[in-house]
């Protein structure tokens, strides 16, 4: 009987010692887990705050870029009024959407959510990137279109003036023939560039197409310079 009680007391003593140790271990583990959870939460909060700053800075840069394009378009005199209004309205639409995204980003409470938003912003900006190439091409194209129309009108006026004055200057007539030939070549270059700029709708090919369209515009500008000289020569021959 005594042995039985000794055994029971020994068992209880071991139970309390081990139990106390386990309780302390459990309490320590629980405190450590709470501390780690707290630290993780603080780290996520800090990461979220940093991410918001970066996202806001990127959006501000995008909005500023659109503002710069807007100023260029507003000052560009070769665009028709309707084309200018259309481009400015499109720029404003993109700008308003980016500003709305900026407000959404500022109010995000989850790091995963703002990372997802960043991906959406990047995809959206890719569309703006493509449109910016198209706007730039439209500006260059409109300049060549305007010059072409002016030269065409001048040639018609000079032709009419030569006939009206009954001047049979071979030099003036020859100069006008050369001018008309260059105008035809210019029309071809103008059409090629219009075709290329119209194809700007996909990021993967935008740079290549824009470069080709820009090359046609450059060739057209050289032709414009030569055409201007021919017309000035024609005017000189008529006046003298």
Protein backbone atom coordinates (compact mmCIF):
# COMPACT_ATOMS: atom_id res chain seq x y z
CA UNK A 1 0.00 0.00 0.00
CA UNK A 2 2.83 2.39 0.93
CA UNK A 3 4.58 1.49 -2.30
CA UNK A 4 1.39 2.29 -4.15
CA UNK A 5 1.18 5.75 -2.60
CA UNK A 6 4.87 6.36 -3.27
CA UNK A 7 4.32 5.48 -6.89
CA UNK A 8 1.31 7.79 -7.10
CA UNK A 9 3.14 10.69 -5.44
CA UNK A 10 6.15 10.17 -7.72
CA UNK A 11 3.86 10.12 -10.75
CA UNK A 12 2.10 13.34 -9.66
CA UNK A 13 5.41 15.06 -8.97
CA UNK A 14 6.72 14.13 -12.42
CA UNK A 15 3.40 15.21 -13.95
CA UNK A 16 3.55 18.66 -12.36
CA UNK A 17 7.22 19.15 -13.22
CA UNK A 18 6.75 18.09 -16.84
CA UNK A 19 3.39 19.86 -17.04
CA UNK A 20 4.90 23.06 -15.72
CA UNK A 21 7.72 22.80 -18.22
CA UNK A 22 5.29 22.19 -21.06
CA UNK A 23 3.13 25.09 -19.94
CA UNK A 24 6.13 27.42 -19.85
CA UNK A 25 7.23 26.14 -23.25
CA UNK A 26 3.73 26.61 -24.62
CA UNK A 27 3.50 30.12 -23.17
CA UNK A 28 6.92 31.01 -24.60
CA UNK A 29 6.00 29.57 -28.00
CA UNK A 30 2.70 31.44 -27.96
CA UNK A 31 4.45 34.70 -27.07
CA UNK A 32 7.04 34.10 -29.79
CA UNK A 33 4.31 33.35 -32.33
CA UNK A 34 2.47 36.53 -31.37
CA UNK A 35 5.69 38.51 -31.64
CA UNK A 36 6.46 37.00 -35.07
CA UNK A 37 2.90 37.70 -36.25
CA UNK A 38 3.20 41.26 -34.99
CA UNK A 39 6.56 41.72 -36.72
CA UNK A 40 5.18 40.23 -39.95
CA UNK A 41 2.21 42.60 -39.78
CA UNK A 42 4.53 45.55 -39.23
CA UNK A 43 6.73 44.41 -42.15
CA UNK A 44 3.69 44.12 -44.43
CA UNK A 45 2.47 47.55 -43.33
CA UNK A 46 5.88 49.02 -44.10
CA UNK A 47 6.07 47.21 -47.46
CA UNK A 48 2.57 48.43 -48.32
CA UNK A 49 3.47 52.03 -47.46
CA UNK A 50 6.63 51.85 -49.60
CA UNK A 51 4.73 50.25 -52.47
CA UNK A 52 2.11 52.99 -52.35
CA UNK A 53 4.82 55.65 -52.61
CA UNK A 54 6.39 53.92 -55.64
CA UNK A 55 3.01 53.41 -57.34
CA UNK A 56 2.02 57.03 -56.77
CA UNK A 57 5.37 58.24 -58.16
CA UNK A 58 4.96 56.08 -61.29
CA UNK A 59 1.42 57.34 -61.86
CA UNK A 60 2.54 60.95 -61.38
CA UNK A 61 5.25 60.41 -64.00
CA UNK A 62 2.70 58.96 -66.44
CA UNK A 63 0.29 61.85 -65.85
CA UNK A 64 3.12 64.40 -66.35
CA UNK A 65 4.06 62.67 -69.62
CA UNK A 66 0.48 63.05 -70.87
CA UNK A 67 0.50 66.71 -69.83
CA UNK A 68 3.65 67.27 -71.92
CA UNK A 69 2.06 65.63 -74.95
CA UNK A 70 -1.07 67.73 -74.44
CA UNK A 71 0.97 70.95 -74.55
CA UNK A 72 2.71 69.85 -77.77
CA UNK A 73 -0.61 69.00 -79.44
CA UNK A 74 -2.21 72.29 -78.36
CA UNK A 75 0.65 74.30 -79.90
CA UNK A 76 0.87 72.23 -83.09
CA UNK A 77 -0.54 74.33 -85.95
CA UNK A 78 -0.68 71.73 -88.72
CA UNK A 79 -3.46 69.60 -87.21
CA UNK A 80 -7.03 70.20 -88.28
CA UNK A 81 -9.32 71.42 -85.51
CA UNK A 82 -11.25 68.15 -85.43
CA UNK A 83 -8.07 66.03 -85.24
CA UNK A 84 -6.65 68.23 -82.49
CA UNK A 85 -9.86 68.00 -80.45
CA UNK A 86 -9.99 64.21 -80.92
CA UNK A 87 -6.40 63.71 -79.70
CA UNK A 88 -6.81 66.10 -76.76
CA UNK A 89 -10.01 64.34 -75.67
CA UNK A 90 -8.26 60.97 -75.85
CA UNK A 91 -5.33 62.28 -73.79
CA UNK A 92 -7.75 63.64 -71.19
CA UNK A 93 -9.53 60.27 -70.98
CA UNK A 94 -6.25 58.47 -70.28
CA UNK A 95 -5.21 61.13 -67.78
CA UNK A 96 -8.52 60.97 -65.88
CA UNK A 97 -8.29 57.19 -65.64
CA UNK A 98 -4.72 57.33 -64.33
CA UNK A 99 -5.79 59.87 -61.70
CA UNK A 100 -8.61 57.54 -60.66
CA UNK A 101 -6.10 54.68 -60.34
CA UNK A 102 -3.96 56.96 -58.18
CA UNK A 103 -6.88 57.44 -55.76
CA UNK A 104 -7.53 53.69 -55.69
CA UNK A 105 -3.86 52.95 -54.97
CA UNK A 106 -3.79 55.48 -52.12
CA UNK A 107 -6.70 53.70 -50.42
CA UNK A 108 -5.49 50.12 -50.84
CA UNK A 109 -5.04 48.22 -47.57
CA UNK A 110 -3.50 45.03 -48.92
CA UNK A 111 -0.02 44.49 -50.32
CA UNK A 112 -1.30 41.81 -52.71
CA UNK A 113 -4.07 44.14 -53.89
CA UNK A 114 -1.68 46.96 -54.75
CA UNK A 115 0.66 44.52 -56.53
CA UNK A 116 -2.31 43.42 -58.64
CA UNK A 117 -3.18 47.06 -59.26
CA UNK A 118 0.39 47.71 -60.40
CA UNK A 119 0.01 45.00 -63.05
CA UNK A 120 -3.23 46.59 -64.25
CA UNK A 121 -1.55 50.01 -64.39
CA UNK A 122 1.32 48.58 -66.45
CA UNK A 123 -1.08 46.96 -68.93
CA UNK A 124 -3.04 50.20 -69.21
CA UNK A 125 0.13 52.21 -69.73
CA UNK A 126 1.17 49.91 -72.56
CA UNK A 127 -1.99 51.05 -74.37
CA UNK A 128 -1.09 54.69 -73.71
CA UNK A 129 2.44 53.98 -74.97
CA UNK A 130 1.07 52.71 -78.28
CA UNK A 131 -1.34 55.64 -78.60
CA UNK A 132 1.49 58.11 -77.92
CA UNK A 133 3.35 56.73 -80.95
CA UNK A 134 0.18 57.13 -82.99
CA UNK A 135 -0.33 60.73 -81.83
CA UNK A 136 3.27 61.56 -82.68
CA UNK A 137 2.81 60.02 -86.11
CA UNK A 138 -0.40 62.01 -86.59
CA UNK A 139 1.45 65.25 -85.85
CA UNK A 140 4.20 64.50 -88.37
CA UNK A 141 1.67 63.28 -90.92
CA UNK A 142 -0.47 66.39 -90.62
CA UNK A 143 2.58 68.59 -91.24
CA UNK A 144 3.37 66.80 -94.52
CA UNK A 145 -0.34 66.78 -95.50
CA UNK A 146 -0.50 70.53 -94.98
CA UNK A 147 2.66 71.18 -97.00
CA UNK A 148 1.44 68.91 -99.77
CA UNK A 149 -1.85 70.78 -100.00
CA UNK A 150 -0.08 74.15 -100.01
CA UNK A 151 2.30 73.09 -102.78
CA UNK A 152 -0.55 71.64 -104.82
CA UNK A 153 -2.44 74.92 -104.55
CA UNK A 154 0.68 76.95 -105.48
CA UNK A 155 1.30 74.79 -108.55
CA UNK A 156 -2.28 75.23 -109.72
CA UNK A 157 -2.08 79.00 -109.16
CA UNK A 158 1.24 79.30 -111.01
CA UNK A 159 -0.07 77.19 -113.88
CA UNK A 160 -3.11 79.43 -114.14
CA UNK A 161 -0.95 82.55 -113.94
CA UNK A 162 1.31 81.39 -116.77
CA UNK A 163 -1.70 80.68 -119.00
CA UNK A 164 -3.43 83.92 -118.05
CA UNK A 165 -0.39 86.05 -118.80
CA UNK A 166 0.18 84.08 -121.97
CA UNK A 167 3.81 83.71 -121.04
CA UNK A 168 5.48 80.93 -122.92
CA UNK A 169 8.63 80.82 -120.81
CA UNK A 170 10.17 77.42 -121.42
CA UNK A 171 12.16 77.71 -118.19
CA UNK A 172 9.04 78.45 -116.13
CA UNK A 173 7.13 75.65 -117.86
CA UNK A 174 9.98 73.18 -117.32
CA UNK A 175 10.29 74.16 -113.66
CA UNK A 176 6.57 73.62 -113.20
CA UNK A 177 6.77 70.18 -114.84
CA UNK A 178 9.54 69.19 -112.41
CA UNK A 179 7.46 70.51 -109.52
CA UNK A 180 4.48 68.39 -110.58
CA UNK A 181 6.69 65.29 -110.81
CA UNK A 182 7.99 65.88 -107.30
CA UNK A 183 4.45 66.45 -106.06
CA UNK A 184 3.46 63.00 -107.38
CA UNK A 185 6.42 61.41 -105.58
CA UNK A 186 5.49 63.35 -102.45
CA UNK A 187 1.93 62.02 -102.70
CA UNK A 188 3.31 58.48 -102.77
CA UNK A 189 5.52 59.06 -99.72
CA UNK A 190 2.59 60.68 -97.94
CA UNK A 191 0.41 57.64 -98.64
CA UNK A 192 3.13 55.25 -97.44
CA UNK A 193 3.55 57.09 -94.16
CA UNK A 194 -0.22 57.25 -93.63
CA UNK A 195 -0.39 53.49 -94.15
CA UNK A 196 2.40 52.86 -91.65
CA UNK A 197 1.07 55.18 -88.96
CA UNK A 198 -2.40 53.66 -89.33
CA UNK A 199 -0.87 50.27 -88.46
CA UNK A 200 0.32 51.47 -85.03
CA UNK A 201 -1.98 49.46 -82.76
CA UNK A 202 0.17 46.78 -81.15
CA UNK A 203 3.14 47.25 -78.79
CA UNK A 204 5.18 44.41 -80.31
CA UNK A 205 5.38 46.08 -83.74
CA UNK A 206 4.84 49.74 -82.84
CA UNK A 207 8.50 50.81 -82.77
CA UNK A 208 9.29 49.18 -86.11
CA UNK A 209 6.24 50.61 -87.86
CA UNK A 210 6.80 54.05 -86.35
CA UNK A 211 10.43 54.03 -87.53
CA UNK A 212 9.34 53.13 -91.09
CA UNK A 213 6.61 55.77 -91.08
CA UNK A 214 9.07 58.32 -89.75
CA UNK A 215 11.48 57.46 -92.57
CA UNK A 216 8.76 58.11 -95.18
CA UNK A 217 8.05 61.46 -93.51
CA UNK A 218 11.75 62.34 -93.62
CA UNK A 219 11.87 61.53 -97.34
CA UNK A 220 8.70 63.57 -97.84
CA UNK A 221 10.28 66.57 -96.10
CA UNK A 222 13.31 66.35 -98.44
CA UNK A 223 10.91 66.33 -101.40
CA UNK A 224 9.11 69.32 -99.91
CA UNK A 225 12.39 71.22 -99.77
CA UNK A 226 13.15 70.36 -103.43
CA UNK A 227 9.59 71.19 -104.43
CA UNK A 228 9.80 74.58 -102.76
CA UNK A 229 12.94 75.35 -104.79
CA UNK A 230 11.22 74.38 -108.05
CA UNK A 231 8.26 76.65 -107.23
CA UNK A 232 10.54 79.55 -106.33
CA UNK A 233 12.34 79.04 -109.67
CA UNK A 234 8.99 79.04 -111.47
CA UNK A 235 8.00 82.30 -109.77
CA UNK A 236 11.37 83.82 -110.71
CA UNK A 237 10.96 82.86 -114.37
CA UNK A 238 7.40 84.24 -114.45
CA UNK A 239 8.39 87.56 -112.90
CA UNK A 240 11.38 87.98 -115.16
